[in-house]
């Protein structure tokens, strides 16, 4: 288990709740006050750094598939959440600022050198009326989303469940519908009505590759009891949770404990199509 020497300033109201994470060549730095790191059981952070650079922020780590690799900076009153069975193939870089957040659902896979930012570092104004042009905005990622390598996910992006973001894509302020493929810089929709399976092909035999040409056959031979429609999401009004409403709730809550309690509540009230919206 990670020792207390891997954690700086576990005082001033800063807390680690849930289960203590296993830290492998990793560091958690509390530089502000009243911050919370909440870990479900079975969390390992490898070659990771989590910096709470100011006050009242929350990081919620759901139990992953494998080990997490993060380089994360949180500034004042920000929230980072990642759900269950997520995977980070290499370092995911995250910078959260200006009381805005990043919420990631379950079964989300990251490749290599992916980045998430919810703010521009500097201010941009209209020269004519002196009004700010680049407000910070939260990032939301639904369930079962796959990111290729070198993706850049910027402020205001909202990605619904079941989608694929191609390598070297840049998304800023986009609303991505469920079960679609987006790619490019800037990214655009390339295909809809798709789904992806999390099995990795690297060690497959010729027979496995042949079986995979038909998902019905693949499931029958290799995923007994699994539904062929498991990764197909649909809009259900009674199940759908608004990303904007989650954003409002997280921003309105005053303390890090209130924010953490709200995240736990969301974890306990799940439905398959919660992050599918009528876009």
Protein backbone atom coordinates (compact mmCIF):
# COMPACT_ATOMS: atom_id res chain seq x y z
CA UNK A 1 0.00 0.00 0.00
CA UNK A 2 1.10 3.56 -0.57
CA UNK A 3 2.67 5.08 2.51
CA UNK A 4 1.78 8.40 4.08
CA UNK A 5 5.05 9.77 2.64
CA UNK A 6 3.40 9.70 -0.79
CA UNK A 7 0.81 12.20 0.47
CA UNK A 8 1.53 15.83 1.24
CA UNK A 9 -0.52 17.87 3.77
CA UNK A 10 -3.17 15.42 4.88
CA UNK A 11 -4.39 18.09 7.30
CA UNK A 12 -6.19 21.46 7.02
CA UNK A 13 -9.45 19.60 6.43
CA UNK A 14 -8.04 17.51 3.57
CA UNK A 15 -9.28 13.91 3.58
CA UNK A 16 -8.97 10.54 1.88
CA UNK A 17 -12.33 8.78 2.17
CA UNK A 18 -13.60 5.37 1.16
CA UNK A 19 -10.54 3.12 0.87
CA UNK A 20 -6.90 4.13 0.94
CA UNK A 21 -5.39 3.75 -2.55
CA UNK A 22 -2.36 1.69 -3.43
CA UNK A 23 0.29 4.16 -4.63
CA UNK A 24 3.00 2.92 -7.00
CA UNK A 25 5.50 5.65 -7.87
CA UNK A 26 2.65 8.09 -7.27
CA UNK A 27 2.03 11.24 -5.28
CA UNK A 28 -1.05 12.97 -3.86
CA UNK A 29 -0.44 16.61 -2.97
CA UNK A 30 -2.93 18.61 -0.94
CA UNK A 31 -1.78 22.20 -1.31
CA UNK A 32 -5.08 23.81 -0.26
CA UNK A 33 -7.76 23.16 2.35
CA UNK A 34 -10.90 21.04 2.71
CA UNK A 35 -10.28 18.82 -0.32
CA UNK A 36 -11.44 15.20 -0.63
CA UNK A 37 -10.01 12.21 -2.47
CA UNK A 38 -12.66 9.46 -2.45
CA UNK A 39 -11.51 6.00 -3.54
CA UNK A 40 -13.59 2.90 -4.00
CA UNK A 41 -11.88 -0.31 -2.90
CA UNK A 42 -9.17 -1.76 -5.13
CA UNK A 43 -7.70 1.51 -6.46
CA UNK A 44 -4.09 1.50 -7.64
CA UNK A 45 -2.44 4.69 -8.90
CA UNK A 46 0.71 4.06 -10.95
CA UNK A 47 3.15 6.78 -12.05
CA UNK A 48 0.46 9.27 -11.12
CA UNK A 49 0.27 12.71 -9.56
CA UNK A 50 -2.90 14.28 -8.18
CA UNK A 51 -2.45 17.91 -7.15
CA UNK A 52 -5.16 19.67 -5.15
CA UNK A 53 -3.82 23.16 -5.80
CA UNK A 54 -6.51 25.14 -3.94
CA UNK A 55 -9.58 24.56 -1.75
CA UNK A 56 -12.85 22.57 -1.66
CA UNK A 57 -12.21 20.21 -4.57
CA UNK A 58 -13.18 16.54 -4.91
CA UNK A 59 -11.68 13.61 -6.81
CA UNK A 60 -13.86 10.47 -6.94
CA UNK A 61 -12.16 7.34 -8.28
CA UNK A 62 -14.32 4.32 -9.11
CA UNK A 63 -12.75 0.87 -9.19
CA UNK A 64 -10.95 0.58 -12.56
CA UNK A 65 -10.13 -2.13 -15.03
CA UNK A 66 -6.42 -2.37 -14.19
CA UNK A 67 -4.57 0.59 -12.70
CA UNK A 68 -5.07 4.33 -13.09
CA UNK A 69 -2.37 6.54 -14.60
CA UNK A 70 -3.18 10.23 -14.08
CA UNK A 71 -1.44 13.59 -14.15
CA UNK A 72 -4.10 15.78 -12.55
CA UNK A 73 -4.27 19.40 -11.35
CA UNK A 74 -7.40 20.66 -9.59
CA UNK A 75 -7.87 24.30 -8.74
CA UNK A 76 -10.52 25.93 -6.57
CA UNK A 77 -13.95 24.25 -6.12
CA UNK A 78 -13.55 21.72 -8.93
CA UNK A 79 -14.76 18.10 -9.17
CA UNK A 80 -13.30 15.13 -11.03
CA UNK A 81 -15.28 11.89 -11.15
CA UNK A 82 -14.48 8.64 -12.96
CA UNK A 83 -16.73 5.61 -12.62
CA UNK A 84 -16.27 1.86 -12.52
CA UNK A 85 -14.34 -0.43 -14.88
CA UNK A 86 -12.57 2.44 -16.64
CA UNK A 87 -9.13 1.99 -18.17
CA UNK A 88 -6.14 4.26 -18.68
CA UNK A 89 -3.55 2.73 -21.02
CA UNK A 90 -1.07 5.51 -20.28
CA UNK A 91 -1.10 8.90 -18.58
CA UNK A 92 -4.34 10.85 -18.87
CA UNK A 93 -3.62 14.54 -18.27
CA UNK A 94 -6.39 16.54 -16.56
CA UNK A 95 -6.48 20.23 -15.60
CA UNK A 96 -9.63 21.61 -13.95
CA UNK A 97 -10.11 25.28 -13.14
CA UNK A 98 -12.53 28.07 -12.30
CA UNK A 99 -15.18 26.10 -10.40
CA UNK A 100 -15.89 23.82 -13.37
CA UNK A 101 -15.74 20.05 -13.45
CA UNK A 102 -15.12 16.78 -15.31
CA UNK A 103 -17.54 13.88 -14.89
CA UNK A 104 -16.74 10.51 -16.51
CA UNK A 105 -19.10 7.53 -16.35
CA UNK A 106 -18.44 3.78 -16.30
CA UNK A 107 -16.54 1.55 -18.77
CA UNK A 108 -14.61 4.42 -20.38
CA UNK A 109 -11.29 3.54 -22.08
CA UNK A 110 -8.42 5.95 -22.65
CA UNK A 111 -5.48 5.22 -24.93
CA UNK A 112 -2.16 7.10 -24.86
CA UNK A 113 -1.49 10.81 -24.19
CA UNK A 114 -5.13 11.86 -23.85
CA UNK A 115 -5.81 15.29 -22.34
CA UNK A 116 -8.84 16.89 -20.68
CA UNK A 117 -9.08 20.61 -19.86
CA UNK A 118 -12.13 22.65 -18.90
CA UNK A 119 -10.57 26.12 -19.14
CA UNK A 120 -8.28 28.31 -21.16
CA UNK A 121 -5.33 29.44 -19.09
CA UNK A 122 -5.72 33.09 -20.11
CA UNK A 123 -8.57 35.48 -20.82
CA UNK A 124 -9.85 36.53 -24.23
CA UNK A 125 -12.11 39.58 -24.68
CA UNK A 126 -14.05 41.27 -27.41
CA UNK A 127 -12.18 44.39 -28.47
CA UNK A 128 -15.44 46.25 -29.14
CA UNK A 129 -17.38 45.76 -25.89
CA UNK A 130 -14.67 44.28 -23.59
CA UNK A 131 -16.85 41.25 -22.77
CA UNK A 132 -15.13 37.95 -22.03
CA UNK A 133 -15.27 35.45 -24.90
CA UNK A 134 -13.80 32.29 -23.35
CA UNK A 135 -15.65 31.26 -20.17
CA UNK A 136 -14.66 27.95 -18.58
CA UNK A 137 -17.11 25.07 -18.97
CA UNK A 138 -17.37 21.57 -17.51
CA UNK A 139 -16.63 18.37 -19.47
CA UNK A 140 -18.98 15.38 -19.37
CA UNK A 141 -18.30 11.87 -20.68
CA UNK A 142 -21.00 9.19 -20.50
CA UNK A 143 -20.66 5.42 -20.13
CA UNK A 144 -18.67 3.10 -22.44
CA UNK A 145 -16.78 5.74 -24.43
CA UNK A 146 -13.47 4.88 -26.17
CA UNK A 147 -10.76 7.48 -26.77
CA UNK A 148 -7.95 6.83 -29.24
CA UNK A 149 -4.46 8.16 -28.59
CA UNK A 150 -3.61 11.87 -28.45
CA UNK A 151 -7.19 13.07 -27.99
CA UNK A 152 -7.72 16.62 -26.76
CA UNK A 153 -11.01 17.07 -24.88
CA UNK A 154 -11.67 20.72 -24.06
CA UNK A 155 -14.22 22.85 -22.24
CA UNK A 156 -17.93 22.38 -22.81
CA UNK A 157 -17.62 18.95 -24.44
CA UNK A 158 -20.43 16.49 -23.69
CA UNK A 159 -20.13 12.91 -24.99
CA UNK A 160 -23.05 10.51 -24.73
CA UNK A 161 -22.67 6.80 -24.02
CA UNK A 162 -21.35 4.21 -26.47
CA UNK A 163 -19.32 6.55 -28.67
CA UNK A 164 -15.79 6.37 -30.10
CA UNK A 165 -13.41 9.33 -30.39
CA UNK A 166 -10.69 8.67 -32.96
CA UNK A 167 -6.95 9.20 -32.47
CA UNK A 168 -5.63 12.79 -32.53
CA UNK A 169 -9.14 14.23 -32.30
CA UNK A 170 -9.87 17.64 -30.81
CA UNK A 171 -13.27 18.23 -29.25
CA UNK A 172 -14.22 21.62 -27.81
CA UNK A 173 -17.77 22.55 -26.88
CA UNK A 174 -19.26 19.69 -28.92
CA UNK A 175 -22.29 17.55 -28.01
CA UNK A 176 -21.58 14.01 -29.21
CA UNK A 177 -24.65 11.74 -29.65
CA UNK A 178 -24.66 8.17 -28.35
CA UNK A 179 -23.18 5.28 -30.40
CA UNK A 180 -21.38 7.50 -32.90
CA UNK A 181 -17.80 7.82 -34.19
CA UNK A 182 -16.13 11.23 -34.17
CA UNK A 183 -12.64 12.10 -35.38
CA UNK A 184 -10.54 14.95 -36.70
CA UNK A 185 -9.22 18.36 -35.67
CA UNK A 186 -11.72 19.78 -35.06
CA UNK A 187 -13.61 16.51 -34.65
CA UNK A 188 -16.78 15.83 -36.58
CA UNK A 189 -19.19 12.92 -36.76
CA UNK A 190 -18.07 10.20 -39.17
CA UNK A 191 -20.63 7.48 -38.49
CA UNK A 192 -23.68 6.74 -36.36
CA UNK A 193 -25.51 3.57 -35.32
CA UNK A 194 -22.33 1.81 -34.15
CA UNK A 195 -21.16 0.10 -30.97
CA UNK A 196 -17.78 -1.11 -29.76
CA UNK A 197 -16.67 -4.08 -27.67
CA UNK A 198 -13.90 -3.75 -25.05
CA UNK A 199 -12.14 -7.04 -25.88
CA UNK A 200 -8.55 -6.42 -27.05
CA UNK A 201 -7.41 -8.04 -30.32
CA UNK A 202 -3.66 -8.03 -29.65
CA UNK A 203 -3.42 -11.70 -28.60
CA UNK A 204 -6.16 -13.10 -30.79
CA UNK A 205 -5.79 -16.22 -32.90
CA UNK A 206 -6.97 -16.50 -36.51
CA UNK A 207 -10.13 -18.22 -35.28
CA UNK A 208 -10.92 -15.37 -32.89
CA UNK A 209 -10.53 -12.83 -35.69
CA UNK A 210 -12.82 -14.87 -37.94
CA UNK A 211 -15.44 -15.22 -35.19
CA UNK A 212 -15.38 -11.46 -34.58
CA UNK A 213 -16.68 -10.74 -38.09
CA UNK A 214 -20.19 -11.48 -36.78
CA UNK A 215 -20.91 -10.23 -33.26
CA UNK A 216 -23.75 -12.73 -32.80
CA UNK A 217 -21.30 -15.58 -33.43
CA UNK A 218 -18.58 -13.93 -31.35
CA UNK A 219 -20.87 -13.55 -28.33
CA UNK A 220 -22.19 -17.08 -28.63
CA UNK A 221 -18.69 -18.62 -28.71
CA UNK A 222 -16.71 -16.30 -26.45
CA UNK A 223 -19.09 -14.27 -24.26
CA UNK A 224 -21.64 -16.81 -23.09
CA UNK A 225 -24.63 -15.20 -21.43
CA UNK A 226 -23.74 -11.74 -22.75
CA UNK A 227 -26.35 -9.74 -24.65
CA UNK A 228 -25.46 -8.77 -28.21
CA UNK A 229 -27.25 -5.46 -27.56
CA UNK A 230 -25.40 -4.68 -24.35
CA UNK A 231 -23.40 -1.78 -25.82
CA UNK A 232 -26.28 -0.26 -27.76
CA UNK A 233 -27.77 2.68 -25.88
CA UNK A 234 -31.13 4.38 -26.48
CA UNK A 235 -32.76 7.58 -25.38
CA UNK A 236 -35.24 6.93 -22.58
CA UNK A 237 -36.71 10.11 -21.14
CA UNK A 238 -37.35 8.53 -17.73
CA UNK A 239 -33.72 7.35 -17.45
CA UNK A 240 -31.86 10.31 -18.96
CA UNK A 241 -29.78 12.48 -16.62
CA UNK A 242 -29.00 15.99 -17.80
CA UNK A 243 -25.28 16.82 -17.90
CA UNK A 244 -26.21 20.47 -17.40
CA UNK A 245 -28.23 19.65 -14.28
CA UNK A 246 -25.34 17.65 -12.80
CA UNK A 247 -23.11 20.65 -13.53
CA UNK A 248 -25.52 23.01 -11.76
CA UNK A 249 -25.73 20.74 -8.74
CA UNK A 250 -21.96 20.36 -8.38
CA UNK A 251 -21.44 24.10 -8.72
CA UNK A 252 -24.21 25.01 -6.26
CA UNK A 253 -22.98 22.73 -3.47
CA UNK A 254 -20.79 24.73 -1.11
CA UNK A 255 -18.52 22.21 0.58
CA UNK A 256 -16.36 19.39 -0.70
CA UNK A 257 -18.27 16.97 1.55
CA UNK A 258 -21.58 17.99 -0.05
CA UNK A 259 -20.07 17.49 -3.50
CA UNK A 260 -18.72 14.07 -2.52
CA UNK A 261 -22.09 12.99 -1.08
CA UNK A 262 -23.79 14.01 -4.33
CA UNK A 263 -21.33 11.92 -6.37
CA UNK A 264 -21.99 8.92 -4.12
CA UNK A 265 -25.73 9.44 -4.64
CA UNK A 266 -25.25 9.38 -8.41
CA UNK A 267 -23.25 6.15 -8.10
CA UNK A 268 -26.15 4.53 -6.26
CA UNK A 269 -28.85 5.52 -8.78
CA UNK A 270 -27.76 4.17 -12.15
CA UNK A 271 -29.63 3.10 -15.25
CA UNK A 272 -28.23 1.89 -18.58
CA UNK A 273 -29.36 4.89 -20.63
CA UNK A 274 -28.67 7.60 -18.05
CA UNK A 275 -26.22 9.47 -20.29
CA UNK A 276 -28.20 9.37 -23.53
CA UNK A 277 -29.86 12.62 -24.50
CA UNK A 278 -32.27 13.83 -27.15
CA UNK A 279 -29.66 15.83 -29.08
